[in-house]
Amino acid sequence: MEEEPNDEFADANSISAPGYVTGEVSNTDTLDYFLMSNEEGRKYQATFTIIENTGDLQIRMRIYDGSQRLIQS
């Protein structure tokens, strides 16, 4: 389960692969950060499942390196 606050790099929730995270999105909670170590050359897949959408929900995933530089959007 996702733990708040995790809306900044410094508060990122640690996750591992394979694995999953569950959580809730609200209008006041616009960003969530997660930290995962990876193996060079290995491919990873992320899937987002929306159970109930009661608003104008937009999902975006951005991947940053260990220096917090954007590497994929």
N, C-alpha and C. Protein backbone atom coordinates (compact mmCIF):
# COMPACT_ATOMS: atom_id res chain seq x y z
N MET A 1 0.84 -1.18 0.00
CA MET A 1 0.00 0.00 0.00
C MET A 1 0.89 1.24 0.00
N GLU A 2 0.54 2.15 -0.83
CA GLU A 2 1.25 3.43 -0.90
C GLU A 2 1.16 4.14 0.45
N GLU A 3 2.26 4.82 0.83
CA GLU A 3 2.28 5.56 2.08
C GLU A 3 2.48 7.04 1.80
N GLU A 4 1.63 7.86 2.37
CA GLU A 4 1.75 9.31 2.24
C GLU A 4 2.56 9.86 3.41
N PRO A 5 3.25 10.93 3.29
CA PRO A 5 3.40 11.68 2.04
C PRO A 5 4.47 11.06 1.16
N ASN A 6 4.26 11.06 -0.12
CA ASN A 6 5.26 10.63 -1.10
C ASN A 6 5.16 11.52 -2.34
N ASP A 7 4.98 12.81 -2.09
CA ASP A 7 4.80 13.76 -3.20
C ASP A 7 6.05 14.57 -3.50
N GLU A 8 7.21 14.08 -3.02
CA GLU A 8 8.52 14.67 -3.33
C GLU A 8 9.53 13.55 -3.46
N PHE A 9 10.64 13.82 -4.16
CA PHE A 9 11.70 12.80 -4.30
C PHE A 9 12.14 12.28 -2.93
N ALA A 10 12.31 13.18 -1.98
CA ALA A 10 12.83 12.79 -0.66
C ALA A 10 11.90 11.85 0.09
N ASP A 11 10.62 11.82 -0.27
CA ASP A 11 9.64 11.00 0.43
C ASP A 11 9.16 9.82 -0.40
N ALA A 12 9.89 9.47 -1.45
CA ALA A 12 9.47 8.39 -2.36
C ALA A 12 9.30 7.07 -1.62
N ASN A 13 8.25 6.33 -1.96
CA ASN A 13 8.04 4.98 -1.44
C ASN A 13 8.95 4.02 -2.18
N SER A 14 9.62 3.13 -1.46
CA SER A 14 10.45 2.11 -2.10
C SER A 14 9.57 0.97 -2.59
N ILE A 15 9.83 0.53 -3.83
CA ILE A 15 9.12 -0.61 -4.38
C ILE A 15 10.13 -1.55 -5.02
N SER A 16 9.74 -2.79 -5.27
CA SER A 16 10.64 -3.75 -5.91
C SER A 16 9.90 -4.48 -7.01
N ALA A 17 10.68 -5.03 -7.92
CA ALA A 17 10.09 -5.79 -9.03
C ALA A 17 10.53 -7.24 -8.90
N PRO A 18 9.66 -8.20 -9.10
CA PRO A 18 8.25 -7.99 -9.39
C PRO A 18 7.51 -7.57 -8.12
N GLY A 19 6.44 -6.86 -8.30
CA GLY A 19 5.64 -6.40 -7.18
C GLY A 19 4.54 -5.50 -7.63
N TYR A 20 3.81 -4.96 -6.68
CA TYR A 20 2.72 -4.06 -7.01
C TYR A 20 2.51 -3.06 -5.88
N VAL A 21 1.84 -1.99 -6.21
CA VAL A 21 1.51 -0.94 -5.25
C VAL A 21 0.03 -0.62 -5.42
N THR A 22 -0.66 -0.47 -4.32
CA THR A 22 -2.04 -0.01 -4.38
C THR A 22 -2.13 1.33 -3.67
N GLY A 23 -3.05 2.15 -4.09
CA GLY A 23 -3.22 3.46 -3.47
C GLY A 23 -4.45 4.14 -3.99
N GLU A 24 -4.65 5.35 -3.51
CA GLU A 24 -5.79 6.15 -3.94
C GLU A 24 -5.30 7.49 -4.46
N VAL A 25 -6.04 8.02 -5.42
CA VAL A 25 -5.74 9.32 -5.99
C VAL A 25 -6.88 10.25 -5.62
N SER A 26 -6.52 11.43 -5.15
CA SER A 26 -7.56 12.43 -4.85
C SER A 26 -7.18 13.75 -5.52
N ASN A 27 -8.10 14.67 -5.55
CA ASN A 27 -7.83 15.96 -6.18
C ASN A 27 -6.72 16.74 -5.49
N THR A 28 -6.52 16.53 -4.20
CA THR A 28 -5.48 17.26 -3.47
C THR A 28 -4.12 16.56 -3.56
N ASP A 29 -4.08 15.33 -4.01
CA ASP A 29 -2.85 14.53 -4.08
C ASP A 29 -2.49 14.36 -5.55
N THR A 30 -1.66 15.25 -6.08
CA THR A 30 -1.45 15.25 -7.52
C THR A 30 -0.19 14.52 -7.97
N LEU A 31 0.77 14.32 -7.08
CA LEU A 31 2.01 13.64 -7.45
C LEU A 31 2.32 12.53 -6.45
N ASP A 32 2.86 11.41 -6.96
CA ASP A 32 3.34 10.34 -6.11
C ASP A 32 4.69 9.88 -6.65
N TYR A 33 5.67 9.74 -5.78
CA TYR A 33 7.00 9.31 -6.17
C TYR A 33 7.30 7.93 -5.58
N PHE A 34 7.94 7.10 -6.40
CA PHE A 34 8.35 5.76 -5.99
C PHE A 34 9.80 5.56 -6.37
N LEU A 35 10.52 4.80 -5.58
CA LEU A 35 11.94 4.53 -5.79
C LEU A 35 12.13 3.04 -6.03
N MET A 36 12.84 2.71 -7.12
CA MET A 36 13.08 1.31 -7.45
C MET A 36 14.48 1.16 -8.00
N SER A 37 15.22 0.20 -7.49
CA SER A 37 16.53 -0.14 -8.06
C SER A 37 16.30 -1.02 -9.28
N ASN A 38 17.15 -0.88 -10.28
CA ASN A 38 16.97 -1.69 -11.47
C ASN A 38 18.29 -2.32 -11.89
N GLU A 39 18.17 -3.35 -12.71
CA GLU A 39 19.33 -4.03 -13.28
C GLU A 39 19.53 -3.52 -14.69
N GLU A 40 20.76 -3.15 -15.02
CA GLU A 40 21.06 -2.65 -16.36
C GLU A 40 20.70 -3.70 -17.41
N GLY A 41 20.01 -3.26 -18.45
CA GLY A 41 19.63 -4.14 -19.55
C GLY A 41 18.32 -4.89 -19.34
N ARG A 42 17.79 -4.86 -18.14
CA ARG A 42 16.53 -5.55 -17.86
C ARG A 42 15.36 -4.64 -18.22
N LYS A 43 14.28 -5.21 -18.75
CA LYS A 43 13.09 -4.44 -19.10
C LYS A 43 12.06 -4.59 -17.99
N TYR A 44 11.35 -3.50 -17.73
CA TYR A 44 10.31 -3.47 -16.72
C TYR A 44 9.01 -3.00 -17.35
N GLN A 45 7.91 -3.42 -16.77
CA GLN A 45 6.60 -3.03 -17.28
C GLN A 45 5.78 -2.48 -16.12
N ALA A 46 5.10 -1.37 -16.36
CA ALA A 46 4.21 -0.78 -15.35
C ALA A 46 2.80 -0.77 -15.92
N THR A 47 1.84 -1.17 -15.09
CA THR A 47 0.44 -1.18 -15.48
C THR A 47 -0.35 -0.39 -14.45
N PHE A 48 -1.21 0.49 -14.91
CA PHE A 48 -2.08 1.27 -14.03
C PHE A 48 -3.50 0.79 -14.23
N THR A 49 -4.18 0.44 -13.15
CA THR A 49 -5.56 0.00 -13.21
C THR A 49 -6.41 0.98 -12.43
N ILE A 50 -7.40 1.53 -13.09
CA ILE A 50 -8.31 2.48 -12.45
C ILE A 50 -9.60 1.74 -12.11
N ILE A 51 -9.90 1.65 -10.83
CA ILE A 51 -11.09 0.94 -10.39
C ILE A 51 -12.33 1.81 -10.55
N GLU A 52 -12.23 3.07 -10.14
CA GLU A 52 -13.38 3.97 -10.23
C GLU A 52 -12.85 5.37 -10.55
N ASN A 53 -13.31 5.93 -11.64
CA ASN A 53 -12.90 7.28 -12.04
C ASN A 53 -14.09 8.21 -11.89
N THR A 54 -14.02 9.06 -10.87
CA THR A 54 -15.14 9.96 -10.61
C THR A 54 -14.83 11.38 -11.05
N GLY A 55 -13.75 11.58 -11.78
CA GLY A 55 -13.40 12.93 -12.19
C GLY A 55 -12.59 12.94 -13.46
N ASP A 56 -11.74 13.91 -13.56
CA ASP A 56 -10.92 14.12 -14.75
C ASP A 56 -9.51 13.58 -14.51
N LEU A 57 -9.39 12.31 -14.24
CA LEU A 57 -8.13 11.69 -13.88
C LEU A 57 -7.22 11.55 -15.09
N GLN A 58 -5.96 11.97 -14.94
CA GLN A 58 -4.93 11.79 -15.96
C GLN A 58 -3.73 11.12 -15.33
N ILE A 59 -3.31 10.01 -15.90
CA ILE A 59 -2.16 9.26 -15.39
C ILE A 59 -0.96 9.58 -16.27
N ARG A 60 0.14 9.95 -15.65
CA ARG A 60 1.41 10.18 -16.36
C ARG A 60 2.51 9.51 -15.58
N MET A 61 3.44 8.92 -16.30
CA MET A 61 4.58 8.29 -15.65
C MET A 61 5.85 8.92 -16.19
N ARG A 62 6.71 9.34 -15.29
CA ARG A 62 8.01 9.88 -15.65
C ARG A 62 9.07 9.09 -14.92
N ILE A 63 10.16 8.81 -15.60
CA ILE A 63 11.25 8.02 -15.00
C ILE A 63 12.47 8.92 -14.86
N TYR A 64 13.02 8.93 -13.64
CA TYR A 64 14.19 9.74 -13.32
C TYR A 64 15.34 8.83 -12.93
N ASP A 65 16.57 9.31 -13.13
CA ASP A 65 17.73 8.56 -12.69
C ASP A 65 18.03 8.88 -11.22
N GLY A 66 19.08 8.30 -10.68
CA GLY A 66 19.45 8.50 -9.29
C GLY A 66 19.81 9.92 -8.93
N SER A 67 20.08 10.75 -9.93
CA SER A 67 20.39 12.17 -9.70
C SER A 67 19.16 13.05 -9.93
N GLN A 68 18.00 12.44 -10.03
CA GLN A 68 16.72 13.11 -10.22
C GLN A 68 16.62 13.85 -11.54
N ARG A 69 17.33 13.34 -12.55
CA ARG A 69 17.22 13.87 -13.91
C ARG A 69 16.21 13.03 -14.69
N LEU A 70 15.33 13.70 -15.41
CA LEU A 70 14.32 13.02 -16.20
C LEU A 70 14.99 12.24 -17.33
N ILE A 71 14.69 10.94 -17.41
CA ILE A 71 15.27 10.14 -18.50
C ILE A 71 14.20 9.61 -19.45
N GLN A 72 12.94 9.58 -19.01
CA GLN A 72 11.87 9.15 -19.91
C GLN A 72 10.56 9.70 -19.41
N SER A 73 9.73 10.14 -20.37
CA SER A 73 8.42 10.69 -20.01
C SER A 73 7.37 10.12 -20.91
